[in-house]
Each structure stands twice: as C-alpha cells, then as structure tokens.
Amino acid sequence: MGIDKVWDQLEPETRQWLIDNPGSKILPRAVVAAITKATGVEFDQDRHGETLLSPADCDFIRTAANLDDARRSESSSPRS
C-alpha cells in the first residue's frame, strides 16, 4: 500500500517528517512504526527495520512538500 493511501490517517508529526525529508527513499524504523501505529498498515521492511519507498511514494511526498512550501510562502507574503 502506498503512502498516498494512508496520508490522511498519519499523525501531523509523521506527515511533517515526510514533508521535511522529501528526498528520503528509505524510511527510518521510527517513521515506519508511527505509520503502522496510526494506520495498522505494515510496510515491507528490510533486515534493519527500514522501508524502501517506491518511486510513486517519493513522487507523492515531493508533491506534498511542494504544496506545503507554496502554502507557507503564500501565508508569509504580505497582503496588498
């Protein structure tokens, strides 16, 4: 199952970590645990407990990060 399918179920802190690290192709154990706790979905893990993201997951996270950046820029720019 992809990140896009569980995004709305993630805790804000987990979503923020993903947005802050859009270039990560491997999720650390703590992030995988947070996703599993919030969604009940278990992603495949390597022997170190890390999860490799698919290209589609990476694209989704980069898009979310770009949208977040645009929202922040819009909210911080002075209004005319």
C-alpha atoms as a PDB file:
ATOM      1  CA  MET A   1       0.000   0.000   0.000  1.00  0.00           C
ATOM      2  CA  GLY A   2       1.313   3.445  -0.867  1.00  0.00           C
ATOM      3  CA  ILE A   3       1.836   6.499   1.289  1.00  0.00           C
ATOM      4  CA  ASP A   4      -0.875   8.302  -0.679  1.00  0.00           C
ATOM      5  CA  LYS A   5      -3.478   5.793   0.552  1.00  0.00           C
ATOM      6  CA  VAL A   6      -2.675   6.347   4.239  1.00  0.00           C
ATOM      7  CA  TRP A   7      -1.629  10.024   4.197  1.00  0.00           C
ATOM      8  CA  ASP A   8      -4.815  11.333   5.828  1.00  0.00           C
ATOM      9  CA  GLN A   9      -4.503   8.800   8.658  1.00  0.00           C
ATOM     10  CA  LEU A  10      -0.971   9.821   9.619  1.00  0.00           C
ATOM     11  CA  GLU A  11      -0.237  11.904  12.684  1.00  0.00           C
ATOM     12  CA  PRO A  12       0.731  15.503  11.839  1.00  0.00           C
ATOM     13  CA  GLU A  13       4.269  14.881  13.134  1.00  0.00           C
ATOM     14  CA  THR A  14       4.738  11.934  10.776  1.00  0.00           C
ATOM     15  CA  ARG A  15       3.411  13.873   7.787  1.00  0.00           C
ATOM     16  CA  GLN A  16       5.707  16.761   8.707  1.00  0.00           C
ATOM     17  CA  TRP A  17       8.739  14.451   8.869  1.00  0.00           C
ATOM     18  CA  LEU A  18       7.920  13.158   5.391  1.00  0.00           C
ATOM     19  CA  ILE A  19       7.430  16.718   4.086  1.00  0.00           C
ATOM     20  CA  ASP A  20      10.687  17.847   5.697  1.00  0.00           C
ATOM     21  CA  ASN A  21      12.561  14.895   4.138  1.00  0.00           C
ATOM     22  CA  PRO A  22      11.135  14.626   0.604  1.00  0.00           C
ATOM     23  CA  GLY A  23      14.353  13.177  -0.812  1.00  0.00           C
ATOM     24  CA  SER A  24      14.392  10.193   1.526  1.00  0.00           C
ATOM     25  CA  LYS A  25      13.998   6.900  -0.255  1.00  0.00           C
ATOM     26  CA  ILE A  26      14.299   4.861   2.917  1.00  0.00           C
ATOM     27  CA  LEU A  27      12.067   5.392   5.940  1.00  0.00           C
ATOM     28  CA  PRO A  28      13.682   5.016   9.350  1.00  0.00           C
ATOM     29  CA  ARG A  29      12.237   2.479  11.792  1.00  0.00           C
ATOM     30  CA  ALA A  30      10.651   5.200  13.942  1.00  0.00           C
ATOM     31  CA  VAL A  31       8.714   6.614  10.987  1.00  0.00           C
ATOM     32  CA  VAL A  32       7.624   3.142   9.868  1.00  0.00           C
ATOM     33  CA  ALA A  33       6.443   2.417  13.432  1.00  0.00           C
ATOM     34  CA  ALA A  34       4.478   5.689  13.526  1.00  0.00           C
ATOM     35  CA  ILE A  35       2.803   4.882  10.200  1.00  0.00           C
ATOM     36  CA  THR A  36       1.918   1.374  11.366  1.00  0.00           C
ATOM     37  CA  LYS A  37       0.578   2.662  14.686  1.00  0.00           C
ATOM     38  CA  ALA A  38      -1.609   5.289  13.000  1.00  0.00           C
ATOM     39  CA  THR A  39      -2.887   3.150  10.133  1.00  0.00           C
ATOM     40  CA  GLY A  40      -2.478  -0.510  11.014  1.00  0.00           C
ATOM     41  CA  VAL A  41      -0.723  -0.926   7.664  1.00  0.00           C
ATOM     42  CA  GLU A  42       2.581  -2.769   7.761  1.00  0.00           C
ATOM     43  CA  PHE A  43       5.056  -1.882   5.046  1.00  0.00           C
ATOM     44  CA  ASP A  44       7.747  -4.302   3.930  1.00  0.00           C
ATOM     45  CA  GLN A  45      10.916  -3.799   5.934  1.00  0.00           C
ATOM     46  CA  ASP A  46      14.488  -4.796   5.347  1.00  0.00           C
ATOM     47  CA  ARG A  47      16.569  -6.593   7.963  1.00  0.00           C
ATOM     48  CA  HIS A  48      17.303  -3.253   9.653  1.00  0.00           C
ATOM     49  CA  GLY A  49      13.610  -2.406  10.043  1.00  0.00           C
ATOM     50  CA  GLU A  50      13.722   0.249   7.343  1.00  0.00           C
ATOM     51  CA  THR A  51      11.257   0.578   4.491  1.00  0.00           C
ATOM     52  CA  LEU A  52      12.236   1.418   0.928  1.00  0.00           C
ATOM     53  CA  LEU A  53       9.791   3.845  -0.692  1.00  0.00           C
ATOM     54  CA  SER A  54       8.503   3.221  -4.190  1.00  0.00           C
ATOM     55  CA  PRO A  55       9.021   5.851  -6.900  1.00  0.00           C
ATOM     56  CA  ALA A  56       5.286   6.656  -6.651  1.00  0.00           C
ATOM     57  CA  ASP A  57       5.628   7.209  -2.886  1.00  0.00           C
ATOM     58  CA  CYS A  58       8.624   9.500  -3.450  1.00  0.00           C
ATOM     59  CA  ASP A  59       6.678  11.489  -6.064  1.00  0.00           C
ATOM     60  CA  PHE A  60       3.690  11.824  -3.738  1.00  0.00           C
ATOM     61  CA  ILE A  61       5.854  13.046  -0.848  1.00  0.00           C
ATOM     62  CA  ARG A  62       7.697  15.544  -3.077  1.00  0.00           C
ATOM     63  CA  THR A  63       4.335  16.888  -4.289  1.00  0.00           C
ATOM     64  CA  ALA A  64       3.112  17.208  -0.695  1.00  0.00           C
ATOM     65  CA  ALA A  65       6.332  19.020   0.237  1.00  0.00           C
ATOM     66  CA  ASN A  66       5.985  21.406  -2.708  1.00  0.00           C
ATOM     67  CA  LEU A  67       2.372  22.152  -1.762  1.00  0.00           C
ATOM     68  CA  ASP A  68       3.430  22.779   1.833  1.00  0.00           C
ATOM     69  CA  ASP A  69       6.182  25.157   0.669  1.00  0.00           C
ATOM     70  CA  ALA A  70       3.709  27.030  -1.544  1.00  0.00           C
ATOM     71  CA  ARG A  71       1.218  27.304   1.331  1.00  0.00           C
ATOM     72  CA  ARG A  72       3.895  28.633   3.666  1.00  0.00           C
ATOM     73  CA  SER A  73       5.100  31.162   1.085  1.00  0.00           C
ATOM     74  CA  GLU A  74       1.560  32.337   0.462  1.00  0.00           C
ATOM     75  CA  SER A  75       0.782  32.733   4.149  1.00  0.00           C
ATOM     76  CA  SER A  76       4.017  34.603   4.870  1.00  0.00           C
ATOM     77  CA  SER A  77       3.823  37.038   1.946  1.00  0.00           C
ATOM     78  CA  PRO A  78       2.396  40.467   2.741  1.00  0.00           C
ATOM     79  CA  ARG A  79      -1.106  41.148   1.512  1.00  0.00           C
ATOM     80  CA  SER A  80      -1.685  44.154  -0.713  1.00  0.00           C
END
